[in-house]
Protein backbone atom coordinates (compact mmCIF):
# COMPACT_ATOMS: atom_id res chain seq x y z
CA MET A 1 169.94 -24.09 89.13
CA MET A 2 168.28 -26.68 86.43
CA ASN A 3 170.97 -29.04 88.41
CA ARG A 4 169.13 -28.28 91.65
CA ARG A 5 165.41 -29.58 92.84
CA CYS A 6 164.39 -26.20 93.24
CA THR A 7 161.44 -23.30 93.29
CA TRP A 8 162.06 -19.92 92.05
CA VAL A 9 160.03 -17.34 93.30
CA GLY A 10 159.38 -13.70 91.54
CA TRP A 11 157.59 -11.09 89.87
CA PRO A 12 156.42 -12.12 86.41
CA GLY A 13 156.94 -8.38 84.99
CA ASP A 14 153.73 -7.26 84.98
CA SER A 15 150.54 -6.62 86.73
CA ASP A 16 148.51 -9.70 85.31
CA HIS A 17 147.74 -12.94 87.17
CA ALA A 18 149.88 -15.73 86.52
CA ASP A 19 149.74 -19.45 88.01
CA PRO A 20 152.49 -21.43 89.00
CA PHE A 21 154.08 -23.45 86.62
CA ASP A 22 157.13 -25.97 85.45
CA HIS A 23 160.02 -25.42 83.07
CA GLU A 24 163.19 -27.36 82.28
CA GLY A 25 163.25 -28.83 85.80
CA ILE A 26 162.40 -25.71 87.85
CA ARG A 27 159.29 -24.59 89.64
CA TYR A 28 157.90 -21.30 89.24
CA LEU A 29 155.79 -19.45 91.75
CA PRO A 30 154.51 -15.93 90.69
CA VAL A 31 154.27 -13.11 93.24
CA GLU A 32 151.67 -10.82 91.72
CA ILE A 33 152.35 -7.05 92.11
CA ASP A 34 149.48 -4.39 90.91
CA GLU A 35 149.87 -1.53 88.58
CA GLN A 36 149.88 0.82 91.92
CA GLU A 37 152.49 -1.16 93.32
CA ILE A 38 154.73 -1.48 90.68
CA ALA A 39 154.71 2.68 91.00
CA ASP A 40 155.41 2.98 94.25
CA TYR A 41 157.59 -0.27 95.06
CA TYR A 42 159.63 -1.07 91.98
CA GLU A 43 159.77 2.40 89.89
CA GLY A 44 159.48 4.39 93.41
CA MET A 45 161.43 2.91 96.12
CA SER A 46 163.74 0.62 94.57
CA ASN A 47 164.66 2.90 91.47
CA GLY A 48 163.99 6.23 92.60
CA THR A 49 165.37 5.76 96.12
CA LEU A 50 167.65 2.84 96.43
CA TRP A 51 169.11 2.53 93.20
CA PRO A 52 170.63 6.37 93.04
CA LEU A 53 171.19 6.22 96.35
CA TYR A 54 173.74 3.02 96.01
CA HIS A 55 175.33 4.12 92.98
CA ASP A 56 176.69 7.24 94.70
CA ALA A 57 173.54 9.80 94.58
CA ILE A 58 174.35 10.36 90.75
CA ARG A 59 170.95 11.20 90.89
CA PRO A 60 169.51 12.74 94.08
CA PRO A 61 167.20 9.98 95.84
CA GLU A 62 163.84 10.52 96.68
CA PHE A 63 162.49 9.78 100.41
CA ARG A 64 158.72 9.03 99.81
CA PRO A 65 156.89 7.55 102.99
CA SER A 66 154.22 6.19 100.69
CA TRP A 67 156.67 4.18 99.08
CA TRP A 68 158.42 2.78 101.66
CA LYS A 69 155.05 1.26 103.04
CA THR A 70 154.58 -0.45 99.95
CA TYR A 71 158.07 -1.70 99.51
CA GLU A 72 157.40 -3.11 103.39
CA GLU A 73 153.97 -4.52 102.14
CA ILE A 74 155.64 -6.40 98.79
CA ASN A 75 158.82 -7.63 100.83
CA GLN A 76 156.38 -9.27 103.35
CA ARG A 77 154.31 -10.69 100.45
CA PHE A 78 157.38 -12.40 99.01
CA ALA A 79 158.22 -13.65 102.60
CA ASP A 80 154.86 -15.05 103.31
CA VAL A 81 155.40 -17.25 99.76
CA LEU A 82 158.60 -18.22 100.57
CA ALA A 83 157.68 -19.64 104.13
CA ASP A 84 154.82 -21.52 102.57
CA ALA A 85 156.97 -22.87 99.85
CA ALA A 86 159.85 -23.73 101.41
CA GLY A 87 160.37 -27.45 102.69
CA GLN A 88 161.35 -28.31 106.27
CA ASN A 89 165.24 -27.21 106.45
CA SER A 90 165.70 -26.15 103.18
CA ILE A 91 167.77 -23.35 101.46
CA VAL A 92 166.69 -19.88 100.25
CA TRP A 93 168.25 -17.58 98.60
CA VAL A 94 166.86 -13.87 98.17
CA HIS A 95 168.19 -11.47 95.82
CA ASP A 96 169.09 -7.86 95.10
CA TYR A 97 167.78 -4.61 96.90
CA GLN A 98 164.08 -4.97 95.80
CA LEU A 99 163.78 -7.32 98.38
CA GLN A 100 166.13 -6.40 101.48
CA LEU A 101 163.85 -7.02 104.05
CA VAL A 102 162.59 -10.40 103.04
CA PRO A 103 165.57 -12.22 104.91
CA ALA A 104 164.46 -11.42 108.46
CA MET A 105 160.61 -11.53 107.40
CA LEU A 106 161.56 -15.02 106.46
CA ARG A 107 163.39 -15.65 109.76
CA ARG A 108 160.60 -14.72 111.92
CA ALA A 109 158.08 -17.02 110.37
CA ARG A 110 160.91 -20.05 109.36
CA PRO A 111 163.69 -19.84 111.85
CA GLU A 112 165.06 -23.13 110.91
CA LEU A 113 165.57 -22.00 107.00
CA LYS A 114 169.07 -21.37 105.79
CA ILE A 115 168.83 -18.30 104.12
CA GLY A 116 171.27 -16.43 102.06
CA PHE A 117 171.32 -12.89 100.48
CA PHE A 118 172.86 -11.20 97.84
CA LEU A 119 173.30 -7.90 96.67
CA HIS A 120 173.75 -7.93 92.98
CA ILE A 121 174.53 -4.01 92.47
CA SER A 122 177.30 -1.78 94.81
CA PHE A 123 176.58 -1.07 98.30
CA PRO A 124 177.30 2.54 99.61
CA PRO A 125 179.62 3.64 102.47
CA GLN A 126 177.96 4.75 105.48
CA GLU A 127 178.18 8.55 104.35
CA LEU A 128 175.21 7.97 101.80
CA PHE A 129 173.71 5.17 103.62
CA MET A 130 172.99 7.50 106.64
CA GLN A 131 170.80 9.71 104.51
CA LEU A 132 168.17 6.76 104.44
CA PRO A 133 165.45 7.34 106.47
CA TRP A 134 164.90 3.43 106.93
CA ARG A 135 168.50 2.67 107.40
CA GLN A 136 168.04 0.53 110.08
CA GLN A 137 165.24 -1.61 108.68
CA ILE A 138 167.34 -2.11 105.84
CA VAL A 139 170.25 -3.31 107.71
CA LYS A 140 167.96 -5.52 110.01
CA GLY A 141 166.06 -6.84 107.12
CA MET A 142 169.50 -7.97 105.47
CA LEU A 143 170.81 -9.44 108.63
CA GLY A 144 168.44 -12.16 108.99
CA ALA A 145 170.19 -13.82 106.41
CA ASP A 146 172.86 -16.59 107.64
CA VAL A 147 175.14 -15.32 104.79
CA VAL A 148 175.41 -11.81 103.00
CA GLY A 149 176.90 -11.78 99.74
CA PHE A 150 178.06 -8.46 97.92
CA GLN A 151 180.23 -8.10 94.15
CA VAL A 152 183.34 -6.94 95.74
CA PRO A 153 185.33 -7.02 99.27
CA ILE A 154 184.70 -2.86 99.95
CA ALA A 155 180.85 -3.31 99.61
CA ALA A 156 180.75 -6.22 102.46
CA ARG A 157 183.00 -3.99 104.72
CA ASN A 158 180.53 -1.06 103.88
CA PHE A 159 177.71 -3.20 105.41
CA ALA A 160 179.77 -4.69 108.18
CA VAL A 161 180.14 -1.34 109.52
CA LEU A 162 176.66 -0.28 109.05
CA ALA A 163 175.56 -3.25 110.84
CA ARG A 164 177.53 -2.54 113.77
CA ARG A 165 176.56 1.14 113.73
CA LEU A 166 172.99 1.21 113.28
CA THR A 167 172.22 -2.66 115.17
CA LYS A 168 173.47 -4.57 118.25
CA ALA A 169 175.62 -6.80 115.78
CA GLN A 170 179.15 -7.11 117.21
CA GLY A 171 182.55 -8.37 115.60
CA ARG A 172 185.17 -6.98 113.57
CA THR A 173 185.40 -8.85 110.86
CA SER A 174 182.96 -11.58 109.62
CA PRO A 175 180.87 -13.27 110.93
CA LEU A 176 178.90 -10.86 113.10
CA THR A 177 177.28 -12.37 116.04
CA TYR A 178 173.64 -10.93 115.79
CA GLU A 179 170.60 -12.12 118.07
CA GLY A 180 172.48 -15.07 118.52
CA ARG A 181 173.54 -16.03 115.59
CA GLY A 182 176.74 -15.71 113.32
CA VAL A 183 176.30 -13.96 110.03
CA HIS A 184 178.86 -14.34 107.32
CA ILE A 185 179.57 -11.24 105.55
CA GLY A 186 181.49 -11.63 102.24
CA ALA A 187 182.51 -10.84 98.56
CA TYR A 188 181.51 -13.41 96.09
CA PRO A 189 182.06 -11.91 92.61
CA ILE A 190 179.02 -12.71 90.09
CA SER A 191 180.63 -14.19 86.64
CA ILE A 192 178.88 -15.58 83.46
CA ASP A 193 178.61 -18.73 81.44
CA VAL A 194 181.74 -18.37 79.88
CA LYS A 195 181.52 -21.67 77.80
CA ARG A 196 178.04 -20.48 76.30
CA PHE A 197 179.46 -17.13 74.75
CA GLU A 198 182.58 -18.78 73.59
CA GLY A 199 180.63 -21.22 72.04
CA ILE A 200 178.29 -18.98 70.41
CA GLY A 201 181.44 -16.76 68.95
CA GLN A 202 182.81 -20.07 67.47
CA ARG A 203 179.93 -20.89 65.21
CA PRO A 204 180.55 -20.06 61.74
CA ALA A 205 177.11 -18.41 61.40
CA THR A 206 177.96 -15.81 64.23
CA GLN A 207 181.31 -15.11 62.44
CA ARG A 208 179.65 -14.53 58.98
CA ARG A 209 177.27 -12.11 60.97
CA ALA A 210 180.23 -10.21 62.58
CA ASN A 211 181.74 -9.60 58.98
CA GLU A 212 178.60 -8.45 57.56
CA ILE A 213 178.26 -6.03 60.97
CA ARG A 214 181.50 -4.72 59.97
CA GLU A 215 180.95 -4.58 56.20
CA SER A 216 177.53 -2.71 56.55
CA LEU A 217 179.46 -0.36 58.93
CA GLY A 218 181.84 0.57 56.31
CA SER A 219 184.65 -1.74 57.16
CA PRO A 220 186.04 1.01 59.44
CA LYS A 221 189.99 0.47 60.87
CA VAL A 222 188.64 0.62 64.37
CA LEU A 223 185.36 -0.01 65.42
CA LEU A 224 184.59 1.00 69.61
CA LEU A 225 181.25 -0.66 70.70
CA GLY A 226 179.28 0.30 73.72
CA VAL A 227 176.77 -2.04 75.10
CA ASP A 228 174.70 -0.65 78.44
CA ARG A 229 170.88 -0.50 79.76
CA LEU A 230 170.17 2.82 79.08
CA ASP A 231 170.86 4.05 82.63
CA TYR A 232 172.36 7.19 83.83
CA THR A 233 174.89 5.28 86.11
CA LYS A 234 176.54 3.64 82.79
CA GLY A 235 178.52 6.85 82.14
CA ILE A 236 177.11 7.08 78.34
CA THR A 237 177.31 10.80 77.78
CA ALA A 238 180.86 10.92 79.59
CA ARG A 239 181.70 8.28 76.95
CA LEU A 240 180.36 10.34 73.95
CA GLY A 241 181.57 13.56 75.03
CA ALA A 242 185.10 11.99 75.38
CA TYR A 243 184.40 10.27 71.50
CA LYS A 244 183.30 13.84 70.38
CA GLU A 245 186.75 15.34 71.90
CA LEU A 246 188.78 12.82 70.21
CA LEU A 247 186.79 13.60 66.82
CA GLU A 248 187.13 17.37 66.91
CA GLU A 249 191.24 16.96 68.06
CA LYS A 250 191.33 14.60 64.96
CA GLN A 251 192.72 11.95 66.60
CA LEU A 252 190.36 9.74 65.59
CA SER A 253 188.23 10.45 62.40
CA VAL A 254 184.94 9.17 60.52
CA PRO A 255 184.94 7.12 58.74
CA ASP A 256 188.09 5.07 60.03
CA THR A 257 186.70 5.36 63.07
CA VAL A 258 182.62 4.11 63.67
CA MET A 259 181.25 3.70 67.10
CA VAL A 260 178.00 1.62 67.74
CA GLN A 261 176.22 2.58 71.03
CA ILE A 262 173.56 -0.07 71.94
CA ALA A 263 171.06 1.14 74.66
CA VAL A 264 168.93 -1.33 76.23
CA PRO A 265 165.72 0.21 77.12
CA THR A 266 164.94 -0.09 81.19
CA ARG A 267 162.51 1.64 83.48
CA SER A 268 161.18 4.16 80.77
CA ASN A 269 158.41 5.43 83.00
CA VAL A 270 160.74 6.99 85.62
CA PRO A 271 161.61 10.49 84.85
CA ALA A 272 165.66 10.34 85.28
CA TYR A 273 165.59 7.47 82.71
CA ILE A 274 163.58 9.50 80.14
CA GLU A 275 165.90 12.33 81.24
CA GLN A 276 168.89 10.42 80.25
CA ARG A 277 167.78 8.97 77.01
CA ASN A 278 166.83 12.44 75.50
CA GLU A 279 170.04 13.59 76.61
CA ILE A 280 172.35 10.64 74.71
CA GLU A 281 170.06 10.74 71.81
CA ARG A 282 170.88 14.82 71.60
CA LEU A 283 174.57 13.96 72.07
CA ILE A 284 174.62 11.76 69.22
CA GLY A 285 172.63 13.71 67.00
CA GLU A 286 175.27 16.51 67.57
CA LEU A 287 178.20 13.66 66.78
CA ASN A 288 176.44 12.85 63.72
CA GLY A 289 175.68 16.12 62.68
CA ASP A 290 179.14 17.44 63.26
CA PHE A 291 181.23 14.41 62.18
CA GLY A 292 179.12 12.17 59.96
CA ARG A 293 178.98 11.98 56.50
CA MET A 294 175.95 10.75 53.64
CA GLY A 295 176.06 7.01 54.99
CA ALA A 296 178.81 7.05 57.13
CA PRO A 297 177.41 8.40 60.52
CA ALA A 298 180.14 8.85 63.47
CA VAL A 299 177.63 6.84 65.96
CA HIS A 300 175.34 4.11 65.01
CA TYR A 301 172.99 4.06 67.72
CA LEU A 302 170.50 1.15 68.70
CA HIS A 303 167.71 1.92 71.36
CA GLN A 304 166.33 -1.88 71.46
CA ASN A 305 167.05 -5.33 72.98
CA LEU A 306 169.04 -7.72 71.25
CA ASP A 307 169.35 -11.37 71.17
CA VAL A 308 172.44 -13.05 72.47
CA GLU A 309 173.81 -14.25 68.89
CA GLU A 310 173.35 -10.84 67.40
CA LEU A 311 175.16 -9.30 70.54
CA VAL A 312 178.15 -11.99 70.36
CA ALA A 313 178.45 -11.08 66.58
CA LEU A 314 179.03 -7.28 67.64
CA TYR A 315 181.36 -8.12 70.28
CA ILE A 316 183.41 -10.24 67.47
CA ALA A 317 183.17 -6.96 65.01
CA ALA A 318 184.26 -4.62 67.73
CA ASP A 319 187.98 -3.74 68.09
CA VAL A 320 187.27 -1.79 71.46
CA LEU A 321 184.80 -2.06 73.85
CA VAL A 322 184.50 0.82 76.05
CA VAL A 323 182.66 0.24 79.52
CA THR A 324 182.32 3.68 81.69
CA PRO A 325 179.83 3.22 84.25
CA TYR A 326 180.08 5.87 87.03
CA ARG A 327 179.30 3.16 89.64
CA ASP A 328 178.58 -0.83 88.82
CA GLY A 329 178.20 -3.69 91.13
CA MET A 330 180.17 -5.85 88.45
CA ASN A 331 179.13 -5.45 84.78
CA LEU A 332 178.97 -8.37 82.91
CA ILE A 333 179.15 -7.06 79.55
CA ALA A 334 182.95 -6.74 79.61
CA LYS A 335 183.26 -10.61 80.37
CA GLU A 336 180.72 -11.34 77.70
CA TYR A 337 182.90 -9.56 75.32
CA VAL A 338 186.10 -11.44 76.44
CA ALA A 339 184.42 -14.82 76.30
CA SER A 340 183.01 -14.43 72.97
CA ARG A 341 186.24 -13.69 71.27
CA VAL A 342 189.11 -15.40 70.09
CA THR A 343 191.26 -12.80 68.36
CA ALA A 344 192.31 -10.11 71.14
CA GLY A 345 190.17 -6.94 71.39
CA ALA A 346 190.70 -4.20 73.81
CA VAL A 347 188.83 -2.94 76.85
CA VAL A 348 188.41 0.44 77.84
CA LEU A 349 186.79 -0.17 81.79
CA SER A 350 185.84 2.12 84.29
CA GLU A 351 187.77 1.21 87.54
CA PHE A 352 184.30 1.81 89.78
CA ALA A 353 182.99 -1.11 88.02
CA GLY A 354 183.37 -4.78 90.05
CA THR A 355 184.83 -5.96 87.18
CA ALA A 356 187.63 -4.30 87.36
CA LEU A 357 188.99 -6.05 90.01
CA SER A 358 189.26 -9.44 87.84
CA MET A 359 190.59 -7.34 84.48
CA PRO A 360 193.43 -5.45 85.37
CA SER A 361 194.82 -5.51 82.09
CA ALA A 362 191.99 -3.64 80.66
CA TYR A 363 192.43 -0.18 80.17
CA LEU A 364 191.20 1.48 83.32
CA ILE A 365 189.68 4.57 83.50
CA ASN A 366 188.28 6.78 85.77
CA PRO A 367 184.79 8.17 83.78
CA HIS A 368 184.77 11.24 85.76
CA ASP A 369 188.24 12.26 83.89
CA VAL A 370 187.69 12.87 80.64
CA GLN A 371 191.20 13.46 79.51
CA GLN A 372 192.00 10.15 80.65
CA MET A 373 188.88 8.16 78.94
CA LYS A 374 190.22 10.20 75.70
CA GLU A 375 193.80 8.96 76.13
CA ALA A 376 192.63 5.26 77.47
CA ILE A 377 190.20 4.81 73.93
CA TYR A 378 192.84 6.42 71.58
CA ALA A 379 195.51 3.73 73.21
CA ALA A 380 193.34 1.19 72.80
CA ALA A 381 192.33 1.89 69.33
CA ASN A 382 195.85 2.03 68.19
CA ALA A 383 197.72 -0.64 70.36
CA THR A 384 200.47 -2.88 68.63
CA PRO A 385 199.30 -6.45 67.99
CA ARG A 386 201.85 -7.40 70.64
CA GLU A 387 200.42 -5.18 73.25
CA ARG A 388 196.80 -6.01 72.28
CA GLU A 389 197.54 -9.80 72.42
CA ARG A 390 199.82 -9.37 76.13
CA ARG A 391 196.59 -7.67 77.66
CA TRP A 392 194.38 -9.98 75.71
CA ARG A 393 195.59 -13.31 77.39
CA SER A 394 195.48 -11.73 80.97
CA LEU A 395 192.12 -10.92 80.37
CA ARG A 396 191.06 -14.47 78.91
CA ARG A 397 192.43 -16.00 82.03
CA GLY A 398 190.84 -13.59 84.59
CA VAL A 399 187.03 -14.52 82.99
CA PHE A 400 187.49 -18.04 82.18
CA THR A 401 188.79 -18.82 85.49
CA TRP A 402 185.99 -17.54 87.46
CA THR A 403 182.21 -18.97 85.99
CA ASN A 404 178.76 -18.33 87.01
CA ASN A 405 178.76 -22.03 88.52
CA ASP A 406 182.06 -21.22 90.58
CA TRP A 407 179.68 -17.85 91.80
CA ALA A 408 176.72 -19.74 92.77
CA ASP A 409 178.78 -23.08 94.32
CA ALA A 410 180.88 -20.46 96.53
CA PHE A 411 177.96 -18.59 97.51
CA LEU A 412 175.71 -22.17 98.72
CA GLN A 413 178.66 -23.58 99.77
CA ALA A 414 179.25 -20.93 102.43
CA LEU A 415 175.54 -20.77 102.95
CA VAL A 416 175.43 -24.82 104.23
CA GLU A 417 178.65 -24.09 106.44
CA VAL A 418 177.52 -21.27 107.99
CA ALA A 419 173.91 -22.53 108.67
């Protein structure tokens, strides 16, 4: 975005007043949301209703009319700020499930704008989406865009089916015709700044820190790593359960094998997340109590944010990255791990993460199948150097072929062409 003349409109992350400001060539326009609105719009409708519904209803979504009312109000607030800020014929790119009504609201106010919408998370099949009391309003809101983008093709197909079912949109394939306009629907998988992670990984200081980490963990033969937001969709409890069974069956043992689990705090006021944290910490306590030794726990657990340099050092230190979400729009942790390392590692990856489409050489697993997960972790931990290198070359090609700039350029190019 620094290479484009642009304005970023967003919520600053708290309820305090914030004035517009400029930083590194970008103009920032804060949209204020008070504490009650945060509770209803962000913690409620966005993360108590839409998030679980869009992630296979792993937790039952709540449908509260008061949450929906606030969701509409906040979406209109964003649309109003955008309508005032956007220059004539500007491109406006709206992001994610918290702002699904904005495209249609903005189009009503400024029909000449080129409007794109990108959903960063998964999009459910109609069997799940039809539970939503406000299903038609959401679909119509997204259809206000000229281009509606998703992480993977199945999500785009799910949306197109629902658009035809719930609105007067017509057409078998993209673009659909809606209200006299063409609406392009497609998959634009997001990626990372691969050069940045590769560069950090090659710094001598990062390499030294990676060696320090392994030494501080007792220089294990195999270091397993999990890095996730502390979220019930990430399959952390299933991963810990599989690791526990491998230790019980003596296929792995402490201290030869050590797991590091990073759980980044998120949505700490939402009851489902409080429950998930308690369950994870209970399981880790059992693992360390049953299999750890004095000064050598089975799992080293950090419930905190890490800076990117420390995170890359962990990637380099770890032999196997274990990524086991029940449903994930993409999952960039797997891509960061591959980009950060020069030497071959291994990735155990859920087939329900969007990343799996571009990483077929990972050890792909069904996170609901504990036996399969165990076999994949064991195979990754005990792979021959030749097998590990073969898979690693393929993983590197996939990650370096498609970067975050490719993602943004592809979406914006489609928006310009379609509009």
